[in-house]
Amino acid sequence: MPMTFPMILTLLRIALIPVLVLFFYLPYTWSSLVAAVVFILAAITDWLDGYLARRMKQMSEMGAFLDPVADKLMVATALVIMVHAPPPIFAPTIIFALSAAIIIGREITISALREWMSELGERGTVKVGLLGKLKTIFQMTAISCLLFQEDLFGLPVLLVGEMLLYLAAALTLWSMWVYMHAAWPIMRQEDNASQPDEDSFAG
């Protein structure tokens, strides 16, 4: 595995996951700020490693595999620890937990779908679109706000983060439907191709 600078950034993002968990649970007033900074730093490296890999022409199959994995691990970890120890949210806790489950479930589903489409040579069918990018922006911003929790210049950061998380969950369902709708004809075609020909059983 070539240890390029974009690859180092991807591995750094994975290494930041236990750091995020550690600071989230530390019983200090400043721990939430550090946890938010760690998550924001990871989000920046998520964009930066892909940009640099393309700019420096250092793209690799391993990097293409690890980049989304690192992103999903960080997001899933942040959501799981917040469900386990939720901030003082305004909506019922079940709504918060359900939104987190939708986001994590969607990431697992679409990752599996992309892998299958890749094996069929149809990976471009489920490539990231504008809706997926918009969902990611809301999702990253929401989690950053929820980790920080404190008001900032009179802005209710926690409330903003909670509302953005619910919006991200809605966009998550929408984008998953778009991806599944795009892949459905190929899925049907592959399923039909795998069915045995009835004529072959005629004697």
N, C-alpha and C. Protein backbone atom coordinates (compact mmCIF):
# COMPACT_ATOMS: atom_id res chain seq x y z
N MET A 1 0.85 -1.20 0.00
CA MET A 1 0.00 0.00 0.00
C MET A 1 0.88 1.25 0.00
N PRO A 2 0.83 2.07 -1.06
CA PRO A 2 1.65 3.28 -1.10
C PRO A 2 1.21 4.29 -0.05
N MET A 3 2.17 4.76 0.77
CA MET A 3 1.85 5.69 1.85
C MET A 3 1.96 7.13 1.34
N THR A 4 0.97 7.53 0.57
CA THR A 4 0.93 8.89 0.05
C THR A 4 0.33 9.82 1.10
N PHE A 5 0.44 11.13 0.86
CA PHE A 5 -0.10 12.10 1.81
C PHE A 5 -1.62 11.98 1.93
N PRO A 6 -2.38 11.83 0.82
CA PRO A 6 -3.83 11.60 0.96
C PRO A 6 -4.14 10.35 1.77
N MET A 7 -3.35 9.28 1.61
CA MET A 7 -3.57 8.05 2.37
C MET A 7 -3.32 8.30 3.86
N ILE A 8 -2.29 9.09 4.17
CA ILE A 8 -1.99 9.41 5.56
C ILE A 8 -3.16 10.17 6.19
N LEU A 9 -3.76 11.09 5.45
CA LEU A 9 -4.91 11.84 5.95
C LEU A 9 -6.09 10.90 6.23
N THR A 10 -6.29 9.93 5.34
CA THR A 10 -7.38 8.97 5.55
C THR A 10 -7.14 8.14 6.80
N LEU A 11 -5.91 7.66 6.98
CA LEU A 11 -5.58 6.88 8.16
C LEU A 11 -5.67 7.73 9.43
N LEU A 12 -5.31 9.01 9.31
CA LEU A 12 -5.43 9.92 10.44
C LEU A 12 -6.89 10.05 10.87
N ARG A 13 -7.79 10.10 9.90
CA ARG A 13 -9.22 10.20 10.21
C ARG A 13 -9.70 8.98 11.00
N ILE A 14 -9.20 7.81 10.64
CA ILE A 14 -9.55 6.60 11.38
C ILE A 14 -8.96 6.66 12.79
N ALA A 15 -7.72 7.14 12.90
CA ALA A 15 -7.06 7.24 14.20
C ALA A 15 -7.75 8.23 15.12
N LEU A 16 -8.46 9.20 14.56
CA LEU A 16 -9.14 10.21 15.37
C LEU A 16 -10.42 9.68 16.02
N ILE A 17 -10.90 8.51 15.59
CA ILE A 17 -12.16 7.97 16.13
C ILE A 17 -12.06 7.71 17.63
N PRO A 18 -11.04 6.97 18.12
CA PRO A 18 -10.95 6.80 19.59
C PRO A 18 -10.69 8.10 20.32
N VAL A 19 -10.03 9.05 19.68
CA VAL A 19 -9.80 10.37 20.29
C VAL A 19 -11.13 11.08 20.50
N LEU A 20 -12.02 10.99 19.51
CA LEU A 20 -13.35 11.59 19.63
C LEU A 20 -14.11 10.97 20.80
N VAL A 21 -14.10 9.65 20.89
CA VAL A 21 -14.81 8.96 21.98
C VAL A 21 -14.24 9.37 23.33
N LEU A 22 -12.93 9.44 23.43
CA LEU A 22 -12.28 9.80 24.69
C LEU A 22 -12.73 11.18 25.17
N PHE A 23 -12.65 12.17 24.30
CA PHE A 23 -12.98 13.53 24.72
C PHE A 23 -14.48 13.71 24.92
N PHE A 24 -15.30 12.93 24.23
CA PHE A 24 -16.75 13.02 24.42
C PHE A 24 -17.13 12.65 25.85
N TYR A 25 -16.42 11.66 26.42
CA TYR A 25 -16.78 11.16 27.73
C TYR A 25 -15.97 11.78 28.88
N LEU A 26 -14.97 12.58 28.56
CA LEU A 26 -14.21 13.21 29.63
C LEU A 26 -15.09 14.20 30.40
N PRO A 27 -15.03 14.20 31.72
CA PRO A 27 -15.93 15.04 32.53
C PRO A 27 -15.39 16.46 32.74
N TYR A 28 -15.05 17.13 31.65
CA TYR A 28 -14.55 18.49 31.76
C TYR A 28 -15.42 19.43 30.92
N THR A 29 -15.44 20.69 31.28
CA THR A 29 -16.28 21.65 30.56
C THR A 29 -15.80 21.87 29.13
N TRP A 30 -14.50 21.67 28.92
CA TRP A 30 -13.94 21.92 27.59
C TRP A 30 -13.94 20.68 26.70
N SER A 31 -14.34 19.53 27.24
CA SER A 31 -14.25 18.29 26.47
C SER A 31 -15.17 18.29 25.25
N SER A 32 -16.37 18.91 25.38
CA SER A 32 -17.29 18.95 24.24
C SER A 32 -16.71 19.79 23.11
N LEU A 33 -16.00 20.87 23.46
CA LEU A 33 -15.37 21.70 22.43
C LEU A 33 -14.30 20.90 21.68
N VAL A 34 -13.47 20.17 22.42
CA VAL A 34 -12.42 19.38 21.78
C VAL A 34 -13.02 18.28 20.92
N ALA A 35 -14.09 17.63 21.41
CA ALA A 35 -14.75 16.58 20.63
C ALA A 35 -15.27 17.14 19.31
N ALA A 36 -15.87 18.33 19.37
CA ALA A 36 -16.37 18.97 18.16
C ALA A 36 -15.24 19.32 17.21
N VAL A 37 -14.13 19.82 17.75
CA VAL A 37 -12.97 20.16 16.93
C VAL A 37 -12.40 18.93 16.25
N VAL A 38 -12.33 17.82 16.99
CA VAL A 38 -11.83 16.56 16.43
C VAL A 38 -12.71 16.11 15.26
N PHE A 39 -14.02 16.20 15.44
CA PHE A 39 -14.94 15.78 14.38
C PHE A 39 -14.82 16.70 13.17
N ILE A 40 -14.73 18.01 13.41
CA ILE A 40 -14.59 18.97 12.30
C ILE A 40 -13.29 18.73 11.56
N LEU A 41 -12.22 18.44 12.30
CA LEU A 41 -10.93 18.14 11.67
C LEU A 41 -11.04 16.90 10.79
N ALA A 42 -11.75 15.89 11.28
CA ALA A 42 -11.96 14.67 10.48
C ALA A 42 -12.76 14.98 9.23
N ALA A 43 -13.77 15.84 9.35
CA ALA A 43 -14.59 16.21 8.19
C ALA A 43 -13.75 16.96 7.15
N ILE A 44 -12.83 17.80 7.62
CA ILE A 44 -11.96 18.54 6.70
C ILE A 44 -11.03 17.59 5.96
N THR A 45 -10.46 16.63 6.69
CA THR A 45 -9.57 15.66 6.03
C THR A 45 -10.34 14.79 5.05
N ASP A 46 -11.63 14.58 5.30
CA ASP A 46 -12.46 13.80 4.38
C ASP A 46 -12.51 14.48 3.02
N TRP A 47 -12.65 15.79 3.03
CA TRP A 47 -12.65 16.53 1.76
C TRP A 47 -11.25 16.66 1.20
N LEU A 48 -10.27 16.91 2.09
CA LEU A 48 -8.92 17.23 1.66
C LEU A 48 -8.21 16.05 1.03
N ASP A 49 -8.38 14.85 1.59
CA ASP A 49 -7.64 13.72 1.04
C ASP A 49 -8.10 13.38 -0.37
N GLY A 50 -9.41 13.49 -0.62
CA GLY A 50 -9.91 13.24 -1.97
C GLY A 50 -9.43 14.29 -2.95
N TYR A 51 -9.45 15.55 -2.51
CA TYR A 51 -9.00 16.66 -3.37
C TYR A 51 -7.52 16.50 -3.71
N LEU A 52 -6.70 16.21 -2.70
CA LEU A 52 -5.26 16.09 -2.93
C LEU A 52 -4.93 14.87 -3.78
N ALA A 53 -5.68 13.77 -3.57
CA ALA A 53 -5.43 12.56 -4.36
C ALA A 53 -5.66 12.84 -5.84
N ARG A 54 -6.71 13.61 -6.14
CA ARG A 54 -6.97 13.96 -7.54
C ARG A 54 -5.96 14.97 -8.06
N ARG A 55 -5.65 15.97 -7.24
CA ARG A 55 -4.75 17.03 -7.67
C ARG A 55 -3.32 16.52 -7.86
N MET A 56 -2.88 15.66 -6.95
CA MET A 56 -1.52 15.13 -7.00
C MET A 56 -1.42 13.83 -7.79
N LYS A 57 -2.56 13.40 -8.35
CA LYS A 57 -2.63 12.18 -9.13
C LYS A 57 -2.08 10.99 -8.35
N GLN A 58 -2.56 10.88 -7.10
CA GLN A 58 -2.13 9.80 -6.21
C GLN A 58 -3.32 8.93 -5.81
N MET A 59 -4.28 8.81 -6.70
CA MET A 59 -5.45 7.98 -6.43
C MET A 59 -5.07 6.51 -6.51
N SER A 60 -5.67 5.71 -5.65
CA SER A 60 -5.40 4.29 -5.62
C SER A 60 -6.67 3.54 -5.23
N GLU A 61 -6.70 2.26 -5.53
CA GLU A 61 -7.86 1.45 -5.17
C GLU A 61 -8.01 1.36 -3.65
N MET A 62 -6.89 1.24 -2.94
CA MET A 62 -6.96 1.18 -1.49
C MET A 62 -7.48 2.49 -0.91
N GLY A 63 -7.02 3.61 -1.47
CA GLY A 63 -7.50 4.90 -1.00
C GLY A 63 -8.98 5.09 -1.29
N ALA A 64 -9.41 4.65 -2.47
CA ALA A 64 -10.83 4.75 -2.82
C ALA A 64 -11.69 3.89 -1.91
N PHE A 65 -11.13 2.80 -1.40
CA PHE A 65 -11.86 1.93 -0.47
C PHE A 65 -11.88 2.52 0.94
N LEU A 66 -10.71 2.97 1.42
CA LEU A 66 -10.60 3.42 2.81
C LEU A 66 -11.27 4.77 3.05
N ASP A 67 -11.28 5.64 2.06
CA ASP A 67 -11.82 6.99 2.26
C ASP A 67 -13.28 6.98 2.73
N PRO A 68 -14.20 6.32 2.01
CA PRO A 68 -15.58 6.29 2.51
C PRO A 68 -15.74 5.47 3.78
N VAL A 69 -14.90 4.44 3.95
CA VAL A 69 -14.97 3.65 5.17
C VAL A 69 -14.63 4.51 6.38
N ALA A 70 -13.56 5.30 6.28
CA ALA A 70 -13.16 6.17 7.38
C ALA A 70 -14.24 7.19 7.70
N ASP A 71 -14.86 7.73 6.66
CA ASP A 71 -15.93 8.71 6.85
C ASP A 71 -17.11 8.08 7.58
N LYS A 72 -17.53 6.92 7.15
CA LYS A 72 -18.70 6.27 7.74
C LYS A 72 -18.42 5.81 9.17
N LEU A 73 -17.19 5.35 9.44
CA LEU A 73 -16.83 4.95 10.80
C LEU A 73 -16.91 6.13 11.76
N MET A 74 -16.40 7.28 11.32
CA MET A 74 -16.41 8.47 12.17
C MET A 74 -17.85 8.93 12.44
N VAL A 75 -18.67 9.00 11.40
CA VAL A 75 -20.06 9.43 11.54
C VAL A 75 -20.84 8.46 12.43
N ALA A 76 -20.70 7.16 12.16
CA ALA A 76 -21.43 6.16 12.94
C ALA A 76 -21.01 6.20 14.41
N THR A 77 -19.72 6.35 14.66
CA THR A 77 -19.24 6.41 16.05
C THR A 77 -19.82 7.61 16.77
N ALA A 78 -19.79 8.77 16.11
CA ALA A 78 -20.32 9.99 16.73
C ALA A 78 -21.81 9.84 17.05
N LEU A 79 -22.56 9.26 16.13
CA LEU A 79 -24.00 9.10 16.35
C LEU A 79 -24.29 8.09 17.46
N VAL A 80 -23.53 7.00 17.50
CA VAL A 80 -23.75 5.97 18.51
C VAL A 80 -23.48 6.52 19.92
N ILE A 81 -22.39 7.24 20.09
CA ILE A 81 -22.08 7.74 21.43
C ILE A 81 -23.07 8.82 21.86
N MET A 82 -23.61 9.57 20.89
CA MET A 82 -24.60 10.58 21.26
C MET A 82 -25.96 9.95 21.58
N VAL A 83 -26.27 8.83 20.96
CA VAL A 83 -27.49 8.12 21.33
C VAL A 83 -27.33 7.49 22.71
N HIS A 84 -26.13 7.00 22.98
CA HIS A 84 -25.86 6.39 24.29
C HIS A 84 -25.89 7.43 25.40
N ALA A 85 -25.35 8.61 25.13
CA ALA A 85 -25.35 9.70 26.12
C ALA A 85 -25.84 10.97 25.42
N PRO A 86 -27.14 11.03 25.13
CA PRO A 86 -27.67 12.13 24.31
C PRO A 86 -27.53 13.49 24.99
N PRO A 87 -27.28 14.54 24.20
CA PRO A 87 -27.28 15.89 24.74
C PRO A 87 -28.71 16.27 25.14
N PRO A 88 -28.90 17.38 25.84
CA PRO A 88 -30.26 17.78 26.25
C PRO A 88 -31.10 18.23 25.05
N ILE A 89 -31.58 17.25 24.28
CA ILE A 89 -32.32 17.54 23.05
C ILE A 89 -33.75 17.97 23.38
N PHE A 90 -34.41 18.53 22.37
CA PHE A 90 -35.74 19.09 22.56
C PHE A 90 -36.85 18.10 22.18
N ALA A 91 -36.61 17.31 21.16
CA ALA A 91 -37.59 16.31 20.75
C ALA A 91 -37.44 15.06 21.61
N PRO A 92 -38.42 14.15 21.59
CA PRO A 92 -38.28 12.90 22.34
C PRO A 92 -37.01 12.14 21.92
N THR A 93 -36.39 11.48 22.86
CA THR A 93 -35.14 10.77 22.60
C THR A 93 -35.30 9.74 21.49
N ILE A 94 -36.48 9.12 21.40
CA ILE A 94 -36.70 8.10 20.37
C ILE A 94 -36.57 8.69 18.96
N ILE A 95 -36.98 9.95 18.79
CA ILE A 95 -36.84 10.60 17.49
C ILE A 95 -35.36 10.78 17.16
N PHE A 96 -34.59 11.19 18.16
CA PHE A 96 -33.15 11.37 17.98
C PHE A 96 -32.49 10.03 17.62
N ALA A 97 -32.83 8.98 18.37
CA ALA A 97 -32.25 7.67 18.13
C ALA A 97 -32.65 7.12 16.77
N LEU A 98 -33.90 7.33 16.38
CA LEU A 98 -34.39 6.85 15.09
C LEU A 98 -33.67 7.55 13.94
N SER A 99 -33.44 8.85 14.09
CA SER A 99 -32.72 9.61 13.06
C SER A 99 -31.30 9.08 12.90
N ALA A 100 -30.66 8.78 14.03
CA ALA A 100 -29.31 8.23 13.98
C ALA A 100 -29.30 6.86 13.30
N ALA A 101 -30.30 6.04 13.63
CA ALA A 101 -30.39 4.70 13.04
C ALA A 101 -30.63 4.78 11.53
N ILE A 102 -31.44 5.74 11.10
CA ILE A 102 -31.70 5.92 9.66
C ILE A 102 -30.41 6.27 8.93
N ILE A 103 -29.64 7.19 9.50
CA ILE A 103 -28.41 7.63 8.85
C ILE A 103 -27.39 6.49 8.78
N ILE A 104 -27.21 5.78 9.89
CA ILE A 104 -26.25 4.67 9.90
C ILE A 104 -26.72 3.54 8.98
N GLY A 105 -28.01 3.22 9.04
CA GLY A 105 -28.54 2.16 8.18
C GLY A 105 -28.41 2.47 6.71
N ARG A 106 -28.63 3.72 6.38
CA ARG A 106 -28.51 4.13 4.98
C ARG A 106 -27.07 3.97 4.49
N GLU A 107 -26.10 4.36 5.34
CA GLU A 107 -24.70 4.27 4.94
C GLU A 107 -24.30 2.82 4.68
N ILE A 108 -24.76 1.92 5.53
CA ILE A 108 -24.46 0.50 5.35
C ILE A 108 -25.11 -0.02 4.07
N THR A 109 -26.36 0.35 3.86
CA THR A 109 -27.11 -0.13 2.69
C THR A 109 -26.49 0.35 1.38
N ILE A 110 -26.19 1.64 1.31
CA ILE A 110 -25.65 2.20 0.07
C ILE A 110 -24.23 1.70 -0.18
N SER A 111 -23.46 1.50 0.89
CA SER A 111 -22.11 0.96 0.72
C SER A 111 -22.18 -0.44 0.11
N ALA A 112 -23.10 -1.26 0.63
CA ALA A 112 -23.26 -2.61 0.09
C ALA A 112 -23.76 -2.56 -1.36
N LEU A 113 -24.66 -1.62 -1.63
CA LEU A 113 -25.19 -1.48 -2.99
C LEU A 113 -24.10 -1.07 -3.96
N ARG A 114 -23.25 -0.12 -3.55
CA ARG A 114 -22.16 0.33 -4.41
C ARG A 114 -21.18 -0.80 -4.68
N GLU A 115 -20.90 -1.61 -3.66
CA GLU A 115 -19.99 -2.73 -3.82
C GLU A 115 -20.55 -3.73 -4.82
N TRP A 116 -21.84 -4.01 -4.70
CA TRP A 116 -22.47 -4.95 -5.63
C TRP A 116 -22.48 -4.39 -7.05
N MET A 117 -22.84 -3.11 -7.18
CA MET A 117 -22.85 -2.48 -8.49
C MET A 117 -21.45 -2.46 -9.11
N SER A 118 -20.44 -2.30 -8.25
CA SER A 118 -19.07 -2.31 -8.74
C SER A 118 -18.69 -3.66 -9.31
N GLU A 119 -19.14 -4.72 -8.63
CA GLU A 119 -18.86 -6.07 -9.13
C GLU A 119 -19.54 -6.33 -10.46
N LEU A 120 -20.67 -5.65 -10.70
CA LEU A 120 -21.40 -5.80 -11.96
C LEU A 120 -20.89 -4.84 -13.02
N GLY A 121 -19.90 -4.00 -12.65
CA GLY A 121 -19.39 -3.00 -13.59
C GLY A 121 -20.32 -1.82 -13.77
N GLU A 122 -21.19 -1.57 -12.79
CA GLU A 122 -22.18 -0.51 -12.87
C GLU A 122 -22.06 0.47 -11.70
N ARG A 123 -20.83 0.66 -11.19
CA ARG A 123 -20.64 1.51 -10.02
C ARG A 123 -21.13 2.95 -10.27
N GLY A 124 -21.00 3.42 -11.52
CA GLY A 124 -21.43 4.77 -11.84
C GLY A 124 -22.92 5.00 -11.67
N THR A 125 -23.68 3.91 -11.60
CA THR A 125 -25.13 4.01 -11.43
C THR A 125 -25.49 4.62 -10.08
N VAL A 126 -24.68 4.37 -9.06
CA VAL A 126 -24.97 4.86 -7.70
C VAL A 126 -23.88 5.81 -7.22
N LYS A 127 -23.31 6.58 -8.12
CA LYS A 127 -22.30 7.55 -7.72
C LYS A 127 -22.95 8.70 -6.94
N VAL A 128 -22.14 9.37 -6.15
CA VAL A 128 -22.64 10.44 -5.29
C VAL A 128 -23.14 11.60 -6.15
N GLY A 129 -24.36 12.04 -5.86
CA GLY A 129 -24.94 13.16 -6.58
C GLY A 129 -25.07 14.38 -5.69
N LEU A 130 -25.74 15.41 -6.21
CA LEU A 130 -25.92 16.65 -5.46
C LEU A 130 -26.70 16.42 -4.18
N LEU A 131 -27.71 15.56 -4.23
CA LEU A 131 -28.52 15.29 -3.05
C LEU A 131 -27.69 14.63 -1.96
N GLY A 132 -26.83 13.70 -2.35
CA GLY A 132 -25.96 13.03 -1.39
C GLY A 132 -24.98 13.99 -0.75
N LYS A 133 -24.45 14.92 -1.55
CA LYS A 133 -23.51 15.91 -1.02
C LYS A 133 -24.21 16.87 -0.07
N LEU A 134 -25.43 17.24 -0.41
CA LEU A 134 -26.20 18.13 0.47
C LEU A 134 -26.51 17.44 1.79
N LYS A 135 -26.85 16.16 1.72
CA LYS A 135 -27.10 15.39 2.93
C LYS A 135 -25.86 15.35 3.81
N THR A 136 -24.71 15.17 3.20
CA THR A 136 -23.46 15.10 3.95
C THR A 136 -23.16 16.42 4.65
N ILE A 137 -23.42 17.53 3.98
CA ILE A 137 -23.18 18.85 4.58
C ILE A 137 -24.04 19.04 5.81
N PHE A 138 -25.34 18.75 5.70
CA PHE A 138 -26.25 18.88 6.84
C PHE A 138 -25.84 17.92 7.96
N GLN A 139 -25.46 16.72 7.59
CA GLN A 139 -25.10 15.69 8.57
C GLN A 139 -23.86 16.09 9.36
N MET A 140 -22.82 16.52 8.66
CA MET A 140 -21.58 16.91 9.32
C MET A 140 -21.78 18.13 10.20
N THR A 141 -22.53 19.11 9.70
CA THR A 141 -22.80 20.30 10.49
C THR A 141 -23.62 19.97 11.73
N ALA A 142 -24.61 19.10 11.57
CA ALA A 142 -25.47 18.71 12.69
C ALA A 142 -24.66 18.03 13.79
N ILE A 143 -23.83 17.08 13.41
CA ILE A 143 -23.05 16.34 14.41
C ILE A 143 -22.05 17.27 15.10
N SER A 144 -21.44 18.17 14.36
CA SER A 144 -20.51 19.13 14.96
C SER A 144 -21.21 19.99 16.00
N CYS A 145 -22.40 20.47 15.68
CA CYS A 145 -23.18 21.29 16.62
C CYS A 145 -23.59 20.48 17.85
N LEU A 146 -24.01 19.26 17.64
CA LEU A 146 -24.47 18.41 18.75
C LEU A 146 -23.31 18.04 19.67
N LEU A 147 -22.13 17.91 19.13
CA LEU A 147 -20.96 17.64 19.96
C LEU A 147 -20.55 18.87 20.76
N PHE A 148 -20.65 20.04 20.14
CA PHE A 148 -20.26 21.28 20.81
C PHE A 148 -21.25 21.68 21.90
N GLN A 149 -22.54 21.67 21.57
CA GLN A 149 -23.65 21.85 22.51
C GLN A 149 -23.84 23.28 23.02
N GLU A 150 -22.80 24.04 23.22
CA GLU A 150 -22.91 25.36 23.85
C GLU A 150 -23.39 26.41 22.84
N ASP A 151 -24.15 27.41 23.34
CA ASP A 151 -24.56 28.53 22.49
C ASP A 151 -23.33 29.31 22.05
N LEU A 152 -23.40 29.88 20.86
CA LEU A 152 -22.27 30.62 20.30
C LEU A 152 -22.78 31.94 19.73
N PHE A 153 -22.36 33.05 20.34
CA PHE A 153 -22.79 34.38 19.92
C PHE A 153 -24.31 34.49 19.89
N GLY A 154 -24.95 33.89 20.88
CA GLY A 154 -26.40 33.95 20.97
C GLY A 154 -27.13 32.94 20.10
N LEU A 155 -26.38 32.17 19.32
CA LEU A 155 -26.98 31.16 18.44
C LEU A 155 -27.17 29.86 19.22
N PRO A 156 -28.39 29.32 19.26
CA PRO A 156 -28.63 28.05 19.97
C PRO A 156 -28.06 26.86 19.19
N VAL A 157 -26.77 26.64 19.36
CA VAL A 157 -26.05 25.63 18.57
C VAL A 157 -26.67 24.25 18.71
N LEU A 158 -27.04 23.88 19.92
CA LEU A 158 -27.60 22.55 20.15
C LEU A 158 -28.92 22.36 19.40
N LEU A 159 -29.78 23.36 19.47
CA LEU A 159 -31.06 23.28 18.77
C LEU A 159 -30.85 23.23 17.26
N VAL A 160 -29.91 24.05 16.76
CA VAL A 160 -29.60 24.04 15.33
C VAL A 160 -29.10 22.66 14.91
N GLY A 161 -28.22 22.08 15.71
CA GLY A 161 -27.69 20.76 15.40
C GLY A 161 -28.77 19.69 15.37
N GLU A 162 -29.69 19.76 16.34
CA GLU A 162 -30.76 18.78 16.39
C GLU A 162 -31.67 18.89 15.17
N MET A 163 -32.05 20.12 14.82
CA MET A 163 -32.93 20.30 13.66
C MET A 163 -32.24 19.86 12.36
N LEU A 164 -30.94 20.15 12.26
CA LEU A 164 -30.19 19.74 11.07
C LEU A 164 -30.05 18.22 11.00
N LEU A 165 -29.96 17.57 12.17
CA LEU A 165 -29.88 16.11 12.17
C LEU A 165 -31.16 15.49 11.63
N TYR A 166 -32.31 16.03 12.03
CA TYR A 166 -33.58 15.51 11.54
C TYR A 166 -33.72 15.79 10.04
N LEU A 167 -33.24 16.95 9.61
CA LEU A 167 -33.26 17.26 8.17
C LEU A 167 -32.33 16.32 7.41
N ALA A 168 -31.16 16.04 7.99
CA ALA A 168 -30.22 15.12 7.36
C ALA A 168 -30.82 13.72 7.25
N ALA A 169 -31.57 13.31 8.28
CA ALA A 169 -32.22 11.99 8.25
C ALA A 169 -33.25 11.93 7.13
N ALA A 170 -34.00 13.02 6.94
CA ALA A 170 -34.99 13.07 5.87
C ALA A 170 -34.30 13.01 4.51
N LEU A 171 -33.22 13.78 4.35
CA LEU A 171 -32.46 13.76 3.10
C LEU A 171 -31.81 12.39 2.88
N THR A 172 -31.46 11.73 3.97
CA THR A 172 -30.88 10.39 3.89
C THR A 172 -31.87 9.41 3.26
N LEU A 173 -33.12 9.45 3.72
CA LEU A 173 -34.14 8.57 3.15
C LEU A 173 -34.39 8.90 1.69
N TRP A 174 -34.43 10.19 1.38
CA TRP A 174 -34.67 10.63 0.01
C TRP A 174 -33.55 10.16 -0.90
N SER A 175 -32.30 10.40 -0.50
CA SER A 175 -31.16 10.02 -1.33
C SER A 175 -31.08 8.51 -1.48
N MET A 176 -31.43 7.76 -0.43
CA MET A 176 -31.41 6.30 -0.54
C MET A 176 -32.44 5.83 -1.56
N TRP A 177 -33.61 6.46 -1.56
CA TRP A 177 -34.63 6.10 -2.54
C TRP A 177 -34.13 6.40 -3.96
N VAL A 178 -33.44 7.52 -4.13
CA VAL A 178 -32.90 7.88 -5.45
C VAL A 178 -31.89 6.85 -5.91
N TYR A 179 -30.99 6.44 -5.02
CA TYR A 179 -29.98 5.45 -5.37
C TYR A 179 -30.62 4.09 -5.69
N MET A 180 -31.55 3.68 -4.85
CA MET A 180 -32.21 2.40 -5.07
C MET A 180 -33.03 2.40 -6.35
N HIS A 181 -33.69 3.54 -6.64
CA HIS A 181 -34.47 3.65 -7.87
C HIS A 181 -33.58 3.57 -9.10
N ALA A 182 -32.38 4.18 -9.01
CA ALA A 182 -31.45 4.13 -10.14
C ALA A 182 -30.89 2.72 -10.35
N ALA A 183 -30.68 2.01 -9.24
CA ALA A 183 -30.07 0.68 -9.33
C ALA A 183 -31.10 -0.43 -9.59
N TRP A 184 -32.38 -0.13 -9.35
CA TRP A 184 -33.40 -1.18 -9.43
C TRP A 184 -33.45 -1.90 -10.77
N PRO A 185 -33.41 -1.21 -11.92
CA PRO A 185 -33.46 -1.94 -13.20
C PRO A 185 -32.31 -2.93 -13.35
N ILE A 186 -31.12 -2.55 -12.89
CA ILE A 186 -29.97 -3.45 -12.98
C ILE A 186 -30.14 -4.61 -12.03
N MET A 187 -30.68 -4.33 -10.83
CA MET A 187 -30.93 -5.39 -9.86
C MET A 187 -31.94 -6.40 -10.40
N ARG A 188 -32.99 -5.89 -11.04
CA ARG A 188 -34.01 -6.77 -11.63
C ARG A 188 -33.41 -7.59 -12.76
N GLN A 189 -32.60 -6.94 -13.59
CA GLN A 189 -31.99 -7.62 -14.72
C GLN A 189 -31.06 -8.74 -14.24
N GLU A 190 -30.28 -8.45 -13.19
CA GLU A 190 -29.37 -9.45 -12.65
C GLU A 190 -30.14 -10.60 -12.02
N ASP A 191 -31.25 -10.26 -11.35
CA ASP A 191 -32.06 -11.30 -10.71
C ASP A 191 -32.69 -12.21 -11.76
N ASN A 192 -33.18 -11.61 -12.85
CA ASN A 192 -33.79 -12.41 -13.92
C ASN A 192 -32.75 -13.29 -14.60
N ALA A 193 -31.52 -12.76 -14.73
CA ALA A 193 -30.46 -13.53 -15.38
C ALA A 193 -30.05 -14.73 -14.54
N SER A 194 -30.23 -14.61 -13.23
CA SER A 194 -29.83 -15.71 -12.34
C SER A 194 -30.90 -16.78 -12.22
N GLN A 195 -32.13 -16.48 -12.72
CA GLN A 195 -33.21 -17.47 -12.66
C GLN A 195 -32.99 -18.55 -13.71
N PRO A 196 -33.20 -19.81 -13.36
CA PRO A 196 -33.03 -20.89 -14.35
C PRO A 196 -34.08 -20.81 -15.44
N ASP A 197 -33.68 -21.13 -16.64
CA ASP A 197 -34.59 -21.13 -17.79
C ASP A 197 -35.55 -22.31 -17.64
N GLU A 198 -36.85 -22.01 -17.64
CA GLU A 198 -37.85 -23.07 -17.47
C GLU A 198 -37.77 -24.09 -18.60
N ASP A 199 -37.38 -23.61 -19.82
CA ASP A 199 -37.30 -24.53 -20.95
C ASP A 199 -36.23 -25.60 -20.73
N SER A 200 -35.21 -25.25 -19.87
CA SER A 200 -34.13 -26.22 -19.67
C SER A 200 -34.59 -27.43 -18.87
N PHE A 201 -35.76 -27.28 -18.18
CA PHE A 201 -36.28 -28.40 -17.42
C PHE A 201 -37.29 -29.23 -18.22
N ALA A 202 -37.63 -28.71 -19.42
CA ALA A 202 -38.60 -29.44 -20.24
C ALA A 202 -37.91 -30.65 -20.88
N GLY A 203 -38.56 -31.75 -20.85
CA GLY A 203 -37.97 -32.95 -21.42
C GLY A 203 -38.82 -33.53 -22.53
